Amino acid sequence: MRPDDGLVQDYKILSVDKATGILTISAIRLDITRWDLSLIDRISIQDLNRKNGRLAYRQSLIQGYGVSSTDVQLTGWIKFDDDRDALKMTEPVFYLYLGEAMYWGELKVQYWGLLLENDPTRNGAFRRVGMGSLLDFEPLKTLERQDTAIA
């Protein structure tokens, strides 16, 4: 077992609408449409225990997509709740950065966040469709925050 070094929250709750259940937060939101995605296979717990250095911490426990970008130095992974084929995305999907943690083994900072898409039933709101983690992506913290309503 590798110890984690605390989760640091990096968002602010602005409001919760009791009537609709919409949560509005201020956080960094990125459009992932231009990110390069590749399918990652589920691997075994044995690989995790061997501390396979090329894997993101806890990545082996998911079936998802590897993330990279030619525009910026970006790596990580994403996982959709509905197991959609991310290689065939036709609608915009957004990564909403929520916090970071330092992980040991091979020392890494992982930036955790939610995947969101526009909610078709509520104008101006988003809905959660997954989660993801970006690795050692320090420029993320310098981006401008946006108010995001999540239904």
N, C-alpha and C. Protein backbone atom coordinates (compact mmCIF):
# COMPACT_ATOMS: atom_id res chain seq x y z
N MET A 1 0.85 -1.19 0.00
CA MET A 1 0.00 0.00 0.00
C MET A 1 0.89 1.25 0.00
N ARG A 2 0.58 2.20 -0.87
CA ARG A 2 1.32 3.45 -0.94
C ARG A 2 0.53 4.55 -0.22
N PRO A 3 1.16 5.31 0.66
CA PRO A 3 0.40 6.36 1.37
C PRO A 3 0.13 7.56 0.47
N ASP A 4 -1.01 8.20 0.70
CA ASP A 4 -1.37 9.43 0.01
C ASP A 4 -0.97 10.59 0.91
N ASP A 5 -0.66 11.72 0.34
CA ASP A 5 -0.28 12.89 1.11
C ASP A 5 -1.35 13.97 0.97
N GLY A 6 -2.50 13.73 1.55
CA GLY A 6 -3.56 14.72 1.65
C GLY A 6 -4.16 15.21 0.36
N LEU A 7 -5.45 15.39 0.37
CA LEU A 7 -6.17 15.96 -0.76
C LEU A 7 -6.36 17.44 -0.49
N VAL A 8 -5.97 18.28 -1.43
CA VAL A 8 -6.12 19.73 -1.30
C VAL A 8 -7.27 20.16 -2.21
N GLN A 9 -8.32 20.65 -1.61
CA GLN A 9 -9.49 21.12 -2.35
C GLN A 9 -9.15 22.41 -3.08
N ASP A 10 -9.61 22.55 -4.33
CA ASP A 10 -9.32 23.77 -5.09
C ASP A 10 -10.56 24.23 -5.86
N TYR A 11 -11.65 24.41 -5.15
CA TYR A 11 -12.89 24.94 -5.71
C TYR A 11 -13.63 25.66 -4.59
N LYS A 12 -14.65 26.42 -4.94
CA LYS A 12 -15.46 27.11 -3.93
C LYS A 12 -16.93 26.90 -4.24
N ILE A 13 -17.67 26.44 -3.25
CA ILE A 13 -19.11 26.28 -3.42
C ILE A 13 -19.75 27.67 -3.34
N LEU A 14 -20.50 28.02 -4.38
CA LEU A 14 -21.15 29.34 -4.43
C LEU A 14 -22.59 29.28 -3.95
N SER A 15 -23.30 28.20 -4.34
CA SER A 15 -24.70 28.08 -3.91
C SER A 15 -25.23 26.67 -4.18
N VAL A 16 -26.31 26.37 -3.48
CA VAL A 16 -27.06 25.14 -3.74
C VAL A 16 -28.53 25.56 -3.81
N ASP A 17 -29.16 25.28 -4.94
CA ASP A 17 -30.56 25.60 -5.12
C ASP A 17 -31.39 24.44 -4.55
N LYS A 18 -32.06 24.68 -3.44
CA LYS A 18 -32.81 23.61 -2.78
C LYS A 18 -33.97 23.10 -3.63
N ALA A 19 -34.54 23.95 -4.45
CA ALA A 19 -35.68 23.54 -5.28
C ALA A 19 -35.26 22.64 -6.43
N THR A 20 -34.12 22.95 -7.07
CA THR A 20 -33.71 22.19 -8.26
C THR A 20 -32.57 21.20 -7.98
N GLY A 21 -31.85 21.41 -6.85
CA GLY A 21 -30.70 20.56 -6.55
C GLY A 21 -29.44 20.97 -7.29
N ILE A 22 -29.48 22.10 -7.99
CA ILE A 22 -28.31 22.54 -8.76
C ILE A 22 -27.26 23.12 -7.82
N LEU A 23 -26.04 22.60 -7.94
CA LEU A 23 -24.89 23.06 -7.17
C LEU A 23 -24.07 23.97 -8.08
N THR A 24 -23.76 25.17 -7.62
CA THR A 24 -22.93 26.08 -8.39
C THR A 24 -21.60 26.25 -7.66
N ILE A 25 -20.51 25.98 -8.38
CA ILE A 25 -19.19 26.12 -7.79
C ILE A 25 -18.30 26.96 -8.71
N SER A 26 -17.27 27.54 -8.11
CA SER A 26 -16.25 28.26 -8.86
C SER A 26 -15.03 27.35 -8.93
N ALA A 27 -14.65 26.98 -10.16
CA ALA A 27 -13.53 26.05 -10.36
C ALA A 27 -12.99 26.21 -11.77
N ILE A 28 -11.85 25.61 -12.00
CA ILE A 28 -11.25 25.63 -13.33
C ILE A 28 -11.93 24.57 -14.18
N ARG A 29 -12.40 24.99 -15.36
CA ARG A 29 -13.11 24.09 -16.27
C ARG A 29 -12.42 24.11 -17.63
N LEU A 30 -12.09 22.92 -18.14
CA LEU A 30 -11.40 22.80 -19.43
C LEU A 30 -12.23 21.98 -20.41
N ASP A 31 -12.29 22.42 -21.65
CA ASP A 31 -12.92 21.65 -22.72
C ASP A 31 -11.92 20.57 -23.15
N ILE A 32 -12.31 19.30 -23.09
CA ILE A 32 -11.38 18.22 -23.42
C ILE A 32 -11.51 17.75 -24.87
N THR A 33 -12.28 18.47 -25.67
CA THR A 33 -12.53 18.05 -27.04
C THR A 33 -11.25 17.84 -27.85
N ARG A 34 -10.22 18.67 -27.61
CA ARG A 34 -8.99 18.57 -28.40
C ARG A 34 -7.94 17.65 -27.76
N TRP A 35 -8.24 17.07 -26.62
CA TRP A 35 -7.28 16.17 -26.00
C TRP A 35 -7.18 14.88 -26.81
N ASP A 36 -6.00 14.29 -26.82
CA ASP A 36 -5.80 13.00 -27.47
C ASP A 36 -6.14 11.91 -26.47
N LEU A 37 -7.06 11.02 -26.82
CA LEU A 37 -7.50 9.95 -25.93
C LEU A 37 -7.12 8.60 -26.53
N SER A 38 -6.78 7.66 -25.66
CA SER A 38 -6.50 6.30 -26.10
C SER A 38 -7.06 5.34 -25.06
N LEU A 39 -7.62 4.24 -25.51
CA LEU A 39 -8.21 3.25 -24.61
C LEU A 39 -7.12 2.61 -23.76
N ILE A 40 -7.35 2.54 -22.45
CA ILE A 40 -6.42 1.83 -21.57
C ILE A 40 -7.11 0.58 -21.05
N ASP A 41 -6.38 -0.50 -21.04
CA ASP A 41 -6.93 -1.77 -20.58
C ASP A 41 -6.88 -1.84 -19.07
N ARG A 42 -7.85 -2.54 -18.51
CA ARG A 42 -7.83 -2.83 -17.09
C ARG A 42 -6.66 -3.78 -16.84
N ILE A 43 -5.84 -3.49 -15.86
CA ILE A 43 -4.73 -4.37 -15.54
C ILE A 43 -4.93 -4.95 -14.15
N SER A 44 -4.03 -5.79 -13.74
CA SER A 44 -4.24 -6.56 -12.51
C SER A 44 -3.72 -5.83 -11.27
N ILE A 45 -4.21 -6.26 -10.13
CA ILE A 45 -3.71 -5.78 -8.85
C ILE A 45 -2.23 -6.12 -8.71
N GLN A 46 -1.81 -7.25 -9.29
CA GLN A 46 -0.40 -7.64 -9.22
C GLN A 46 0.49 -6.58 -9.88
N ASP A 47 0.04 -6.03 -11.01
CA ASP A 47 0.81 -4.97 -11.66
C ASP A 47 0.91 -3.74 -10.75
N LEU A 48 -0.19 -3.41 -10.07
CA LEU A 48 -0.17 -2.28 -9.15
C LEU A 48 0.83 -2.54 -8.02
N ASN A 49 0.82 -3.75 -7.47
CA ASN A 49 1.72 -4.10 -6.37
C ASN A 49 3.18 -4.11 -6.80
N ARG A 50 3.44 -4.33 -8.09
CA ARG A 50 4.82 -4.28 -8.61
C ARG A 50 5.29 -2.85 -8.79
N LYS A 51 4.41 -1.88 -8.52
CA LYS A 51 4.73 -0.46 -8.67
C LYS A 51 5.19 -0.15 -10.08
N ASN A 52 4.43 -0.62 -11.05
CA ASN A 52 4.73 -0.37 -12.45
C ASN A 52 4.75 1.14 -12.68
N GLY A 53 5.93 1.72 -12.90
CA GLY A 53 6.12 3.16 -12.95
C GLY A 53 5.37 3.89 -14.04
N ARG A 54 4.94 3.22 -15.09
CA ARG A 54 4.28 3.95 -16.18
C ARG A 54 2.79 4.15 -15.93
N LEU A 55 2.28 3.59 -14.86
CA LEU A 55 0.85 3.69 -14.59
C LEU A 55 0.54 4.79 -13.59
N ALA A 56 -0.57 5.47 -13.81
CA ALA A 56 -1.04 6.44 -12.82
C ALA A 56 -1.49 5.68 -11.59
N TYR A 57 -1.32 6.29 -10.44
CA TYR A 57 -1.76 5.67 -9.20
C TYR A 57 -3.25 5.36 -9.27
N ARG A 58 -3.62 4.13 -8.93
CA ARG A 58 -4.99 3.62 -8.95
C ARG A 58 -5.56 3.47 -10.35
N GLN A 59 -4.82 3.79 -11.37
CA GLN A 59 -5.34 3.67 -12.73
C GLN A 59 -5.70 2.23 -13.07
N SER A 60 -4.98 1.29 -12.49
CA SER A 60 -5.21 -0.11 -12.85
C SER A 60 -6.60 -0.59 -12.47
N LEU A 61 -7.28 0.12 -11.59
CA LEU A 61 -8.58 -0.32 -11.13
C LEU A 61 -9.72 0.17 -12.03
N ILE A 62 -9.39 0.86 -13.10
CA ILE A 62 -10.43 1.39 -13.97
C ILE A 62 -10.25 0.89 -15.40
N GLN A 63 -11.32 0.95 -16.16
CA GLN A 63 -11.26 0.77 -17.61
C GLN A 63 -11.62 2.13 -18.17
N GLY A 64 -10.68 2.83 -18.73
CA GLY A 64 -10.97 4.18 -19.18
C GLY A 64 -10.10 4.57 -20.35
N TYR A 65 -9.75 5.85 -20.40
CA TYR A 65 -9.01 6.39 -21.53
C TYR A 65 -7.80 7.16 -21.02
N GLY A 66 -6.67 6.92 -21.65
CA GLY A 66 -5.47 7.70 -21.37
C GLY A 66 -5.61 9.06 -22.03
N VAL A 67 -5.06 10.07 -21.39
CA VAL A 67 -5.17 11.45 -21.86
C VAL A 67 -3.78 11.96 -22.20
N SER A 68 -3.68 12.65 -23.32
CA SER A 68 -2.46 13.39 -23.64
C SER A 68 -2.86 14.56 -24.53
N SER A 69 -1.96 15.49 -24.71
CA SER A 69 -2.24 16.62 -25.58
C SER A 69 -0.94 17.09 -26.21
N THR A 70 -1.00 17.42 -27.48
CA THR A 70 0.18 17.95 -28.16
C THR A 70 0.32 19.45 -27.91
N ASP A 71 -0.77 20.13 -27.53
CA ASP A 71 -0.72 21.57 -27.26
C ASP A 71 0.07 21.89 -26.00
N VAL A 72 -0.10 21.06 -24.98
CA VAL A 72 0.55 21.29 -23.67
C VAL A 72 1.08 19.96 -23.16
N GLN A 73 1.97 20.01 -22.18
CA GLN A 73 2.47 18.78 -21.56
C GLN A 73 1.38 18.24 -20.64
N LEU A 74 0.59 17.31 -21.12
CA LEU A 74 -0.57 16.84 -20.39
C LEU A 74 -0.65 15.32 -20.49
N THR A 75 -0.78 14.66 -19.34
CA THR A 75 -1.04 13.23 -19.31
C THR A 75 -2.03 12.95 -18.19
N GLY A 76 -2.65 11.80 -18.22
CA GLY A 76 -3.59 11.41 -17.19
C GLY A 76 -4.56 10.39 -17.72
N TRP A 77 -5.73 10.31 -17.08
CA TRP A 77 -6.77 9.37 -17.51
C TRP A 77 -8.15 9.93 -17.19
N ILE A 78 -9.14 9.44 -17.93
CA ILE A 78 -10.54 9.77 -17.68
C ILE A 78 -11.37 8.50 -17.74
N LYS A 79 -12.50 8.52 -17.06
CA LYS A 79 -13.42 7.38 -17.04
C LYS A 79 -14.83 7.92 -17.09
N PHE A 80 -15.61 7.47 -18.08
CA PHE A 80 -17.01 7.89 -18.19
C PHE A 80 -17.90 6.97 -17.36
N ASP A 81 -18.91 7.53 -16.70
CA ASP A 81 -19.84 6.75 -15.89
C ASP A 81 -20.63 5.74 -16.71
N ASP A 82 -20.96 6.11 -17.96
CA ASP A 82 -21.80 5.26 -18.80
C ASP A 82 -21.00 4.41 -19.79
N ASP A 83 -19.68 4.34 -19.62
CA ASP A 83 -18.81 3.54 -20.48
C ASP A 83 -18.94 3.88 -21.96
N ARG A 84 -19.25 5.12 -22.27
CA ARG A 84 -19.35 5.56 -23.67
C ARG A 84 -17.99 5.43 -24.37
N ASP A 85 -18.03 5.43 -25.66
CA ASP A 85 -16.80 5.38 -26.45
C ASP A 85 -16.29 6.81 -26.62
N ALA A 86 -15.30 7.18 -25.82
CA ALA A 86 -14.78 8.55 -25.85
C ALA A 86 -14.08 8.87 -27.15
N LEU A 87 -13.70 7.85 -27.91
CA LEU A 87 -13.02 8.09 -29.18
C LEU A 87 -13.99 8.56 -30.25
N LYS A 88 -15.30 8.48 -29.94
CA LYS A 88 -16.32 8.91 -30.89
C LYS A 88 -17.17 10.05 -30.33
N MET A 89 -16.60 10.88 -29.47
CA MET A 89 -17.36 11.99 -28.88
C MET A 89 -17.81 12.96 -29.96
N THR A 90 -19.07 13.36 -29.88
CA THR A 90 -19.60 14.34 -30.82
C THR A 90 -20.03 15.63 -30.11
N GLU A 91 -20.28 15.56 -28.80
CA GLU A 91 -20.68 16.73 -28.02
C GLU A 91 -19.52 17.15 -27.12
N PRO A 92 -19.44 18.43 -26.76
CA PRO A 92 -18.37 18.88 -25.86
C PRO A 92 -18.43 18.20 -24.49
N VAL A 93 -17.26 17.86 -23.97
CA VAL A 93 -17.12 17.32 -22.62
C VAL A 93 -16.07 18.18 -21.92
N PHE A 94 -16.29 18.44 -20.63
CA PHE A 94 -15.43 19.33 -19.87
C PHE A 94 -14.84 18.61 -18.66
N TYR A 95 -13.60 18.97 -18.31
CA TYR A 95 -12.94 18.50 -17.10
C TYR A 95 -13.03 19.63 -16.08
N LEU A 96 -13.61 19.36 -14.91
CA LEU A 96 -13.75 20.36 -13.86
C LEU A 96 -12.80 19.99 -12.73
N TYR A 97 -11.74 20.79 -12.57
CA TYR A 97 -10.69 20.53 -11.59
C TYR A 97 -11.21 20.81 -10.18
N LEU A 98 -11.11 19.80 -9.29
CA LEU A 98 -11.61 19.94 -7.92
C LEU A 98 -10.54 19.95 -6.85
N GLY A 99 -9.44 19.26 -7.08
CA GLY A 99 -8.41 19.21 -6.05
C GLY A 99 -7.24 18.36 -6.48
N GLU A 100 -6.21 18.32 -5.61
CA GLU A 100 -5.00 17.59 -5.94
C GLU A 100 -4.52 16.81 -4.73
N ALA A 101 -3.72 15.79 -5.00
CA ALA A 101 -3.08 15.01 -3.94
C ALA A 101 -1.71 14.56 -4.44
N MET A 102 -0.78 14.39 -3.51
CA MET A 102 0.55 13.89 -3.83
C MET A 102 0.55 12.39 -3.52
N TYR A 103 1.09 11.60 -4.42
CA TYR A 103 1.15 10.16 -4.23
C TYR A 103 2.58 9.69 -4.25
N TRP A 104 2.87 8.69 -3.45
CA TRP A 104 4.22 8.18 -3.29
C TRP A 104 4.41 6.94 -4.14
N GLY A 105 5.55 6.37 -4.09
CA GLY A 105 5.97 5.31 -4.99
C GLY A 105 6.90 6.02 -5.95
N GLU A 106 6.37 6.38 -7.08
CA GLU A 106 7.02 7.38 -7.93
C GLU A 106 6.28 8.67 -7.62
N LEU A 107 6.96 9.65 -7.04
CA LEU A 107 6.32 10.86 -6.55
C LEU A 107 5.58 11.58 -7.67
N LYS A 108 4.27 11.77 -7.50
CA LYS A 108 3.44 12.42 -8.52
C LYS A 108 2.38 13.26 -7.84
N VAL A 109 2.01 14.35 -8.50
CA VAL A 109 0.83 15.10 -8.08
C VAL A 109 -0.27 14.75 -9.07
N GLN A 110 -1.43 14.36 -8.54
CA GLN A 110 -2.56 14.08 -9.40
C GLN A 110 -3.63 15.13 -9.15
N TYR A 111 -4.16 15.68 -10.24
CA TYR A 111 -5.20 16.70 -10.19
C TYR A 111 -6.53 16.03 -10.53
N TRP A 112 -7.38 15.87 -9.52
CA TRP A 112 -8.63 15.15 -9.66
C TRP A 112 -9.76 16.07 -10.11
N GLY A 113 -10.67 15.53 -10.92
CA GLY A 113 -11.79 16.34 -11.36
C GLY A 113 -12.93 15.50 -11.91
N LEU A 114 -14.01 16.18 -12.22
CA LEU A 114 -15.20 15.55 -12.79
C LEU A 114 -15.25 15.81 -14.29
N LEU A 115 -15.87 14.91 -15.01
CA LEU A 115 -16.20 15.13 -16.42
C LEU A 115 -17.65 15.59 -16.48
N LEU A 116 -17.89 16.65 -17.23
CA LEU A 116 -19.22 17.23 -17.35
C LEU A 116 -19.59 17.40 -18.81
N GLU A 117 -20.89 17.36 -19.07
CA GLU A 117 -21.40 17.76 -20.38
C GLU A 117 -22.61 18.65 -20.14
N ASN A 118 -23.01 19.39 -21.17
CA ASN A 118 -24.18 20.25 -21.05
C ASN A 118 -25.41 19.41 -20.72
N ASP A 119 -26.19 19.87 -19.74
CA ASP A 119 -27.42 19.17 -19.37
C ASP A 119 -28.51 19.57 -20.37
N PRO A 120 -29.05 18.63 -21.13
CA PRO A 120 -30.05 18.99 -22.15
C PRO A 120 -31.38 19.44 -21.57
N THR A 121 -31.63 19.18 -20.29
CA THR A 121 -32.92 19.55 -19.70
C THR A 121 -32.87 20.85 -18.90
N ARG A 122 -31.66 21.37 -18.64
CA ARG A 122 -31.53 22.59 -17.84
C ARG A 122 -30.57 23.55 -18.53
N ASN A 123 -31.09 24.64 -19.02
CA ASN A 123 -30.30 25.62 -19.75
C ASN A 123 -29.19 26.20 -18.88
N GLY A 124 -27.95 26.16 -19.39
CA GLY A 124 -26.83 26.74 -18.68
C GLY A 124 -26.22 25.86 -17.61
N ALA A 125 -26.75 24.65 -17.43
CA ALA A 125 -26.23 23.75 -16.40
C ALA A 125 -25.50 22.57 -17.05
N PHE A 126 -24.68 21.92 -16.27
CA PHE A 126 -23.94 20.74 -16.70
C PHE A 126 -24.40 19.54 -15.88
N ARG A 127 -24.07 18.36 -16.37
CA ARG A 127 -24.29 17.14 -15.59
C ARG A 127 -23.02 16.32 -15.60
N ARG A 128 -22.79 15.61 -14.50
CA ARG A 128 -21.61 14.77 -14.37
C ARG A 128 -21.75 13.56 -15.29
N VAL A 129 -20.66 13.24 -16.01
CA VAL A 129 -20.65 12.06 -16.86
C VAL A 129 -19.43 11.18 -16.60
N GLY A 130 -18.57 11.59 -15.64
CA GLY A 130 -17.40 10.78 -15.34
C GLY A 130 -16.43 11.50 -14.43
N MET A 131 -15.22 10.96 -14.36
CA MET A 131 -14.17 11.56 -13.55
C MET A 131 -12.83 11.36 -14.22
N GLY A 132 -11.82 12.05 -13.73
CA GLY A 132 -10.50 11.89 -14.31
C GLY A 132 -9.42 12.45 -13.43
N SER A 133 -8.19 12.21 -13.84
CA SER A 133 -7.03 12.67 -13.11
C SER A 133 -5.94 13.07 -14.09
N LEU A 134 -5.39 14.26 -13.90
CA LEU A 134 -4.27 14.73 -14.71
C LEU A 134 -3.02 14.64 -13.85
N LEU A 135 -1.90 14.31 -14.47
CA LEU A 135 -0.66 14.10 -13.73
C LEU A 135 0.30 15.27 -13.90
N ASP A 136 0.81 15.75 -12.77
CA ASP A 136 1.87 16.77 -12.77
C ASP A 136 1.63 17.89 -13.78
N PHE A 137 0.42 18.40 -13.86
CA PHE A 137 0.06 19.44 -14.83
C PHE A 137 -0.05 20.78 -14.11
N GLU A 138 1.07 21.31 -13.67
CA GLU A 138 1.13 22.54 -12.88
C GLU A 138 0.44 23.74 -13.55
N PRO A 139 0.50 23.91 -14.90
CA PRO A 139 -0.18 25.07 -15.51
C PRO A 139 -1.68 25.10 -15.25
N LEU A 140 -2.26 23.97 -14.90
CA LEU A 140 -3.69 23.90 -14.59
C LEU A 140 -4.07 24.92 -13.52
N LYS A 141 -3.20 25.09 -12.53
CA LYS A 141 -3.52 25.94 -11.39
C LYS A 141 -3.48 27.43 -11.71
N THR A 142 -2.96 27.80 -12.86
CA THR A 142 -2.89 29.22 -13.22
C THR A 142 -4.05 29.66 -14.12
N LEU A 143 -4.91 28.74 -14.49
CA LEU A 143 -6.02 29.06 -15.37
C LEU A 143 -7.14 29.77 -14.60
N GLU A 144 -7.99 30.46 -15.33
CA GLU A 144 -9.07 31.24 -14.73
C GLU A 144 -10.22 30.33 -14.30
N ARG A 145 -10.75 30.61 -13.14
CA ARG A 145 -11.92 29.88 -12.62
C ARG A 145 -13.19 30.36 -13.32
N GLN A 146 -14.15 29.45 -13.40
CA GLN A 146 -15.44 29.77 -13.99
C GLN A 146 -16.53 29.27 -13.05
N ASP A 147 -17.67 29.98 -13.03
CA ASP A 147 -18.80 29.49 -12.27
C ASP A 147 -19.45 28.36 -13.07
N THR A 148 -19.69 27.24 -12.42
CA THR A 148 -20.24 26.07 -13.09
C THR A 148 -21.43 25.54 -12.30
N ALA A 149 -22.58 25.45 -12.95
CA ALA A 149 -23.80 24.92 -12.33
C ALA A 149 -23.90 23.44 -12.70
N ILE A 150 -24.00 22.58 -11.70
CA ILE A 150 -24.07 21.14 -11.91
C ILE A 150 -25.42 20.64 -11.45
N ALA A 151 -26.19 20.07 -12.39
CA ALA A 151 -27.52 19.54 -12.07
C ALA A 151 -27.44 18.13 -11.54
